[in-house]
Amino acid sequence: MKNEKYGRCPIAKSRNPFTCGLTGKTHTTAEFFERVDYLARALGQKMGWKPNEETPWDKVLNIFSVNTVRISRRSYGAAAVGVCLQVVQIDYMTAAYAVHRFSGIVTPANAAYSAPELAHQLKSSGAKAIFTCVPLLATALEAAKSAGVPKDKVFILPMPGFVKKEGFTTLEDLINEGKKLPEVEPLRWAKGQGARQPAFLCYSSGTSGLPVRFPSVETHLLGRPRC
């Protein structure tokens, strides 16, 4: 996504990808990728993950957090040009991209899930860790206990008014740790791997039973990296 050889808009000219609609907090595209890199270093150490070892299914991480988005258009004259994403949780994709640095899989969960529903997804996906937010922490901990995810593998995503929780490692803690760690080795993909490499493991609404999982591969996500 950050390689300019394949037609994306130059990073230096790219708009900030995410902005908090409540506080105005934002990161440039260059800062976003830097934070992804630091977070990946820390996750690799915490989880024992290597980019080119084991399978993607050995490196599954759950994100169980609110991610409220407001979309606004920037207008120039009579025409509406460009789209700006204003979100409350601006680090949702930071966490996701960090997992993808290991050819890992992100399994996002509905923030409205009960603990049993979340536990089902954790068990079904084989998730080894969770990123959640303070308002959903109690539900995440109950589900993690049921699914066998250790408490020290439950991390906090900051959001306005709920930045941290005593006794838990936050995304910012991990990024700061990552600054002191060596870089993650580059991925070595075989030709055509993007067409079969799972990136996200999403789940249906479960209207007729328990939610059913379905993967999205990398090539589904890389087709429009131009904004």
Protein backbone atom coordinates (compact mmCIF):
# COMPACT_ATOMS: atom_id res chain seq x y z
CA MET A 1 0.00 0.00 0.00
CA LYS A 2 2.87 2.42 0.57
CA ASN A 3 4.96 1.44 -2.43
CA GLU A 4 4.75 4.29 -4.93
CA LYS A 5 6.04 2.12 -7.81
CA TYR A 6 2.56 0.72 -8.41
CA GLY A 7 0.63 3.93 -9.04
CA ARG A 8 -0.50 5.17 -5.65
CA CYS A 9 -0.56 8.92 -4.98
CA PRO A 10 2.87 9.95 -3.59
CA ILE A 11 2.82 9.70 0.20
CA ALA A 12 4.11 13.25 0.56
CA LYS A 13 1.08 14.54 -1.36
CA SER A 14 -1.52 12.24 0.18
CA ARG A 15 -4.25 13.56 2.44
CA ASN A 16 -4.34 12.45 6.05
CA PRO A 17 -6.12 9.10 5.90
CA PHE A 18 -8.05 9.33 9.19
CA THR A 19 -9.10 12.22 11.42
CA CYS A 20 -10.96 12.00 14.72
CA GLY A 21 -14.31 13.70 14.23
CA LEU A 22 -14.48 14.66 17.94
CA THR A 23 -10.99 15.90 18.79
CA GLY A 24 -9.49 16.68 15.40
CA LYS A 25 -6.53 14.41 16.13
CA THR A 26 -4.96 13.14 12.94
CA HIS A 27 -1.81 11.65 11.42
CA THR A 28 -0.24 12.25 8.04
CA THR A 29 0.04 9.29 5.68
CA ALA A 30 3.76 9.09 6.41
CA GLU A 31 3.08 9.10 10.17
CA PHE A 32 0.43 6.42 9.72
CA PHE A 33 2.88 4.04 8.02
CA GLU A 34 5.55 4.85 10.62
CA ARG A 35 3.14 3.97 13.43
CA VAL A 36 2.24 0.73 11.65
CA ASP A 37 5.93 -0.17 11.47
CA TYR A 38 6.58 0.51 15.16
CA LEU A 39 3.44 -1.35 16.20
CA ALA A 40 4.41 -4.36 14.07
CA ARG A 41 7.81 -4.53 15.77
CA ALA A 42 6.19 -4.62 19.21
CA LEU A 43 3.52 -7.14 18.20
CA GLY A 44 6.18 -9.39 16.75
CA GLN A 45 7.97 -9.43 20.08
CA LYS A 46 4.81 -9.83 22.18
CA MET A 47 3.29 -12.55 20.05
CA GLY A 48 6.43 -14.29 18.82
CA TRP A 49 5.39 -13.71 15.22
CA LYS A 50 7.74 -13.78 12.22
CA PRO A 51 6.72 -12.46 8.77
CA ASN A 52 7.84 -15.47 6.76
CA GLU A 53 7.26 -18.31 9.20
CA GLU A 54 4.15 -20.37 10.03
CA THR A 55 0.83 -19.80 8.26
CA PRO A 56 -1.50 -16.78 8.33
CA TRP A 57 -3.88 -18.86 10.46
CA ASP A 58 -1.24 -18.98 13.19
CA LYS A 59 -1.28 -15.17 13.37
CA VAL A 60 -4.90 -14.13 13.84
CA LEU A 61 -5.79 -11.02 15.84
CA ASN A 62 -9.26 -9.81 16.76
CA ILE A 63 -10.32 -6.15 16.77
CA PHE A 64 -13.38 -5.54 18.94
CA SER A 65 -13.87 -1.80 19.08
CA VAL A 66 -16.16 1.01 18.05
CA ASN A 67 -15.18 2.65 14.77
CA THR A 68 -17.66 5.46 14.12
CA VAL A 69 -17.10 7.14 10.75
CA ARG A 70 -18.39 10.40 9.33
CA ILE A 71 -17.75 11.02 5.62
CA SER A 72 -17.50 14.58 4.35
CA ARG A 73 -16.82 15.87 0.85
CA ARG A 74 -14.46 18.70 0.04
CA SER A 75 -16.04 21.06 -2.45
CA TYR A 76 -14.32 23.22 -5.03
CA GLY A 77 -16.80 25.48 -6.80
CA ALA A 78 -19.89 23.55 -7.80
CA ALA A 79 -18.13 20.20 -7.78
CA ALA A 80 -17.56 17.94 -4.80
CA VAL A 81 -14.04 16.60 -5.04
CA GLY A 82 -12.37 14.19 -2.66
CA VAL A 83 -13.63 12.40 0.42
CA CYS A 84 -12.38 12.94 3.96
CA LEU A 85 -12.93 10.24 6.58
CA GLN A 86 -13.53 11.60 10.07
CA VAL A 87 -13.49 8.81 12.62
CA VAL A 88 -13.53 8.39 16.37
CA GLN A 89 -11.17 5.40 16.33
CA ILE A 90 -8.32 6.54 14.07
CA ASP A 91 -6.00 3.61 14.90
CA TYR A 92 -8.27 0.74 13.86
CA MET A 93 -6.39 0.35 10.57
CA THR A 94 -3.03 0.96 12.24
CA ALA A 95 -3.60 -2.24 14.20
CA ALA A 96 -4.84 -4.10 11.11
CA TYR A 97 -1.89 -3.12 8.93
CA ALA A 98 0.56 -4.09 11.67
CA VAL A 99 -0.88 -7.62 11.69
CA HIS A 100 -0.64 -7.77 7.90
CA ARG A 101 3.11 -7.07 8.15
CA PHE A 102 3.37 -10.68 9.33
CA SER A 103 0.98 -12.07 6.70
CA GLY A 104 -1.41 -12.32 9.63
CA ILE A 105 -5.19 -12.17 9.61
CA VAL A 106 -7.43 -9.59 11.28
CA THR A 107 -10.86 -10.74 12.39
CA PRO A 108 -12.98 -7.65 13.16
CA ALA A 109 -15.93 -8.18 15.49
CA ASN A 110 -19.23 -6.34 15.78
CA ALA A 111 -19.02 -3.85 18.66
CA ALA A 112 -22.58 -4.81 19.62
CA TYR A 113 -21.63 -8.44 20.31
CA SER A 114 -22.29 -10.04 23.67
CA ALA A 115 -19.49 -11.95 25.36
CA PRO A 116 -20.75 -15.37 24.13
CA GLU A 117 -21.01 -14.08 20.55
CA LEU A 118 -17.49 -12.65 20.69
CA ALA A 119 -16.18 -15.85 22.29
CA HIS A 120 -17.62 -17.84 19.37
CA GLN A 121 -15.72 -15.68 16.90
CA LEU A 122 -12.48 -15.90 18.89
CA LYS A 123 -12.68 -19.68 19.02
CA SER A 124 -13.77 -20.09 15.40
CA SER A 125 -11.04 -17.79 14.06
CA GLY A 126 -8.29 -19.01 16.38
CA ALA A 127 -7.50 -15.44 17.46
CA LYS A 128 -4.40 -15.16 19.63
CA ALA A 129 -4.89 -11.54 20.80
CA ILE A 130 -7.49 -8.79 20.97
CA PHE A 131 -7.48 -5.05 20.41
CA THR A 132 -10.47 -3.50 22.14
CA CYS A 133 -11.48 -0.16 23.68
CA VAL A 134 -12.21 0.69 27.31
CA PRO A 135 -16.05 0.81 26.94
CA LEU A 136 -16.02 -2.77 25.56
CA LEU A 137 -13.24 -4.12 27.78
CA ALA A 138 -15.47 -6.05 30.19
CA THR A 139 -17.13 -7.91 27.32
CA ALA A 140 -13.76 -8.57 25.68
CA LEU A 141 -12.27 -9.97 28.88
CA GLU A 142 -15.20 -12.33 29.47
CA ALA A 143 -14.99 -13.59 25.90
CA ALA A 144 -11.19 -13.86 26.04
CA LYS A 145 -11.37 -16.00 29.17
CA SER A 146 -13.88 -18.31 27.52
CA ALA A 147 -11.76 -18.60 24.37
CA GLY A 148 -8.43 -19.04 26.15
CA VAL A 149 -6.91 -15.70 25.12
CA PRO A 150 -4.55 -14.55 27.91
CA LYS A 151 -5.33 -11.29 29.65
CA ASP A 152 -1.91 -9.89 28.71
CA LYS A 153 -2.84 -10.34 25.05
CA VAL A 154 -5.80 -7.97 25.38
CA PHE A 155 -4.65 -4.52 24.22
CA ILE A 156 -6.40 -1.14 24.37
CA LEU A 157 -7.18 1.08 21.39
CA PRO A 158 -7.49 4.71 22.53
CA MET A 159 -10.61 6.75 21.89
CA PRO A 160 -11.72 10.18 23.13
CA GLY A 161 -12.37 10.05 26.87
CA PHE A 162 -11.09 6.46 27.16
CA VAL A 163 -7.37 6.49 26.42
CA LYS A 164 -6.08 3.82 28.80
CA LYS A 165 -6.98 1.35 31.53
CA GLU A 166 -4.71 0.50 34.44
CA GLY A 167 -3.10 -2.89 34.05
CA PHE A 168 -3.49 -3.05 30.27
CA THR A 169 -1.09 -2.28 27.45
CA THR A 170 -2.32 0.34 25.00
CA LEU A 171 -1.61 0.75 21.33
CA GLU A 172 0.50 3.81 22.16
CA ASP A 173 2.50 1.76 24.67
CA LEU A 174 3.23 -0.78 21.96
CA ILE A 175 4.23 1.89 19.44
CA ASN A 176 6.64 3.42 21.94
CA GLU A 177 8.12 -0.02 22.65
CA GLY A 178 8.45 -0.64 18.92
CA LYS A 179 10.59 2.46 18.45
CA LYS A 180 13.35 0.70 20.39
CA LEU A 181 13.11 -2.62 18.53
CA PRO A 182 14.70 -3.76 15.24
CA GLU A 183 12.72 -3.53 12.03
CA VAL A 184 10.49 -6.39 10.97
CA GLU A 185 12.04 -8.30 8.07
CA PRO A 186 10.39 -7.81 4.67
CA LEU A 187 7.69 -10.21 3.54
CA ARG A 188 8.72 -12.72 0.90
CA TRP A 189 5.65 -13.54 -1.12
CA ALA A 190 5.49 -15.94 -4.04
CA LYS A 191 4.02 -14.74 -7.32
CA GLY A 192 0.22 -14.63 -7.10
CA GLN A 193 0.16 -14.95 -3.32
CA GLY A 194 -1.95 -11.82 -2.91
CA ALA A 195 -4.83 -13.57 -4.65
CA ARG A 196 -4.98 -16.26 -1.98
CA GLN A 197 -3.49 -14.52 1.06
CA PRO A 198 -6.27 -13.98 3.65
CA ALA A 199 -6.22 -10.48 5.15
CA PHE A 200 -9.52 -10.16 7.02
CA LEU A 201 -11.76 -12.87 8.43
CA CYS A 202 -15.20 -11.32 8.75
CA TYR A 203 -18.37 -12.85 10.13
CA SER A 204 -21.97 -12.69 8.97
CA SER A 205 -24.70 -11.18 11.10
CA GLY A 206 -25.82 -14.59 12.28
CA THR A 207 -29.51 -13.88 11.69
CA SER A 208 -30.22 -17.59 11.21
CA GLY A 209 -27.79 -18.96 13.76
CA LEU A 210 -24.23 -18.34 14.83
CA PRO A 211 -22.20 -15.97 12.62
CA VAL A 212 -20.41 -17.64 9.72
CA ARG A 213 -16.88 -16.61 8.75
CA PHE A 214 -15.74 -15.55 5.30
CA PRO A 215 -12.22 -14.38 4.37
CA SER A 216 -11.17 -11.39 2.26
CA VAL A 217 -7.85 -11.78 0.46
CA GLU A 218 -5.19 -9.11 -0.05
CA THR A 219 -6.01 -8.40 -3.70
CA HIS A 220 -9.53 -7.38 -2.68
CA LEU A 221 -7.97 -4.57 -0.64
CA LEU A 222 -5.15 -3.36 -2.88
CA GLY A 223 -7.07 -2.33 -5.95
CA ARG A 224 -7.57 1.35 -5.09
CA PRO A 225 -4.58 2.64 -3.10
CA ARG A 226 -4.60 6.05 -4.79
CA CYS A 227 -6.11 8.48 -2.30
